[in-house]
C-alpha cells in the first residue's frame, strides 16, 4: 500500500515557490509564529477583498509582504490610505519596517482558492449547494 504525499510538497521549488522566504537561525520558531499572526490578521481584515495568496519575505530590517488579490482597489483604498493603515498595523505586530506589494489576479475564476471561498460564502448565505457549484 502506497503512502499519501501532499502534492504541494512535490511541486515546491519546481513549479511553485514557497509562501515564506527567509532564513530562520535561532529565532526560527518566533518567525513562524509571526508569519502565522500576519497571515491570520490579513485574512480576517481583508476577507472581502478576495485574497488568494500571501507571500512573506524577510531581510534583516525589512519585512516584504506580497498580497495576491482579485480586488486590489478594496485593499488600496482612496489615495492609498488603506495601504498605509495596513503597514502600520503589521508594523505593530512585528516591530519591523513593512513593505506591502499588491498584485491583481487577472482571472479569479481560475484560482482554486478564490472559487472555493466563493462557493463557501454562497452556502453560508443560504444558497442551495448544487446551484452554488453550478454558478462557480
Protein backbone atom coordinates (compact mmCIF):
# COMPACT_ATOMS: atom_id res chain seq x y z
CA UNK A 1 0.00 0.00 0.00
CA UNK A 2 1.40 3.37 -1.01
CA UNK A 3 1.87 6.34 1.26
CA UNK A 4 -0.08 9.53 0.69
CA UNK A 5 2.10 12.52 -0.09
CA UNK A 6 0.98 16.13 -0.10
CA UNK A 7 1.09 17.23 -3.77
CA UNK A 8 2.24 20.73 -2.86
CA UNK A 9 5.43 19.32 -1.33
CA UNK A 10 6.23 17.65 -4.67
CA UNK A 11 5.80 20.92 -6.56
CA UNK A 12 7.75 23.22 -4.22
CA UNK A 13 10.84 24.63 -5.82
CA UNK A 14 9.97 23.24 -9.25
CA UNK A 15 6.57 24.62 -10.24
CA UNK A 16 5.52 26.56 -7.15
CA UNK A 17 7.50 28.81 -4.83
CA UNK A 18 7.40 28.99 -1.06
CA UNK A 19 4.92 31.23 0.76
CA UNK A 20 7.65 32.38 3.16
CA UNK A 21 11.19 33.25 2.07
CA UNK A 22 13.67 33.83 4.90
CA UNK A 23 16.45 32.26 6.92
CA UNK A 24 15.43 31.40 10.47
CA UNK A 25 18.55 30.80 12.51
CA UNK A 26 17.91 30.71 16.26
CA UNK A 27 14.64 32.63 16.05
CA UNK A 28 13.03 30.16 13.64
CA UNK A 29 10.01 29.38 15.84
CA UNK A 30 9.35 33.04 16.59
CA UNK A 31 9.36 33.87 12.89
CA UNK A 32 6.92 31.07 12.09
CA UNK A 33 4.53 32.33 14.78
CA UNK A 34 4.94 35.89 13.48
CA UNK A 35 4.17 34.74 9.92
CA UNK A 36 1.07 32.94 11.20
CA UNK A 37 -0.14 36.07 13.03
CA UNK A 38 0.42 38.24 9.94
CA UNK A 39 -1.45 35.82 7.67
CA UNK A 40 -4.32 35.40 10.14
CA UNK A 41 -4.65 39.15 10.58
CA UNK A 42 -4.61 39.84 6.83
CA UNK A 43 -7.11 37.05 6.07
CA UNK A 44 -9.60 38.42 8.62
CA UNK A 45 -9.04 42.11 7.78
CA UNK A 46 -9.18 41.58 4.01
CA UNK A 47 -11.90 38.92 3.91
CA UNK A 48 -13.98 40.81 1.35
CA UNK A 49 -11.02 41.66 -0.88
CA UNK A 50 -10.71 38.10 -2.30
CA UNK A 51 -7.14 37.49 -1.14
CA UNK A 52 -5.72 34.37 -2.76
CA UNK A 53 -2.12 34.22 -1.59
CA UNK A 54 0.11 35.99 0.92
CA UNK A 55 3.88 35.75 0.43
CA UNK A 56 6.24 36.93 3.18
CA UNK A 57 9.92 37.69 2.57
CA UNK A 58 12.30 38.87 5.26
CA UNK A 59 15.61 40.69 5.24
CA UNK A 60 17.49 41.94 8.28
CA UNK A 61 15.48 45.13 8.71
CA UNK A 62 12.62 44.87 6.22
CA UNK A 63 9.53 42.70 6.02
CA UNK A 64 8.18 42.40 2.47
CA UNK A 65 4.54 41.23 2.28
CA UNK A 66 3.07 40.45 -1.14
CA UNK A 67 -0.71 40.06 -1.42
CA UNK A 68 -2.31 38.45 -4.48
CA UNK A 69 -5.93 39.57 -4.74
CA UNK A 70 -8.80 39.73 -7.18
CA UNK A 71 -9.88 43.18 -5.92
CA UNK A 72 -6.85 45.39 -5.34
CA UNK A 73 -8.98 48.54 -5.13
CA UNK A 74 -10.54 47.47 -1.84
CA UNK A 75 -7.11 46.95 -0.30
CA UNK A 76 -5.53 50.15 -1.64
CA UNK A 77 -8.45 52.44 -0.82
CA UNK A 78 -8.73 56.07 -1.88
CA UNK A 79 -5.30 57.53 -2.46
CA UNK A 80 -3.57 54.58 -0.78
CA UNK A 81 -4.89 55.33 2.71
CA UNK A 82 -5.79 51.72 3.46
CA UNK A 83 -2.32 50.52 2.47
CA UNK A 84 -0.74 52.93 4.94
CA UNK A 85 -3.07 51.71 7.70
CA UNK A 86 -2.20 48.09 6.90
CA UNK A 87 1.52 48.87 7.02
CA UNK A 88 1.18 50.49 10.44
CA UNK A 89 -0.91 47.62 11.83
CA UNK A 90 1.55 44.99 10.56
CA UNK A 91 4.41 47.07 11.98
CA UNK A 92 2.68 46.91 15.40
CA UNK A 93 2.55 43.10 15.14
CA UNK A 94 6.16 42.62 14.02
CA UNK A 95 8.08 45.71 15.11
CA UNK A 96 9.86 45.90 11.73
CA UNK A 97 9.56 48.15 8.70
CA UNK A 98 6.97 46.77 6.29
CA UNK A 99 6.77 46.99 2.52
CA UNK A 100 3.42 45.97 1.01
CA UNK A 101 3.10 44.81 -2.59
CA UNK A 102 -0.34 44.16 -4.05
CA UNK A 103 -0.79 42.12 -7.22
CA UNK A 104 -4.06 41.75 -9.09
CA UNK A 105 -5.26 38.32 -10.16
CA UNK A 106 -6.41 38.81 -13.74
CA UNK A 107 -8.67 35.74 -13.90
CA UNK A 108 -10.10 34.95 -10.44
CA UNK A 109 -12.39 32.26 -11.86
CA UNK A 110 -9.29 30.11 -12.48
CA UNK A 111 -7.85 30.45 -8.95
CA UNK A 112 -8.94 27.40 -6.91
CA UNK A 113 -8.74 29.16 -3.54
CA UNK A 114 -10.98 32.03 -4.66
CA UNK A 115 -13.51 29.68 -6.28
CA UNK A 116 -13.71 27.59 -3.08
CA UNK A 117 -14.17 30.70 -0.93
CA UNK A 118 -16.89 31.95 -3.27
CA UNK A 119 -18.78 28.65 -3.00
CA UNK A 120 -18.39 28.61 0.79
CA UNK A 121 -19.66 32.20 1.07
CA UNK A 122 -22.70 31.33 -1.06
CA UNK A 123 -23.51 28.23 1.01
CA UNK A 124 -23.23 30.32 4.20
CA UNK A 125 -25.65 32.77 2.59
CA UNK A 126 -28.29 30.00 2.30
CA UNK A 127 -27.92 29.41 -1.44
CA UNK A 128 -28.55 25.80 -2.50
CA UNK A 129 -25.38 23.70 -2.74
CA UNK A 130 -25.95 22.50 -6.31
CA UNK A 131 -26.74 25.99 -7.52
CA UNK A 132 -23.57 27.37 -5.91
CA UNK A 133 -21.46 24.65 -7.55
CA UNK A 134 -23.01 25.28 -10.98
CA UNK A 135 -22.50 29.04 -10.68
CA UNK A 136 -18.83 28.54 -9.81
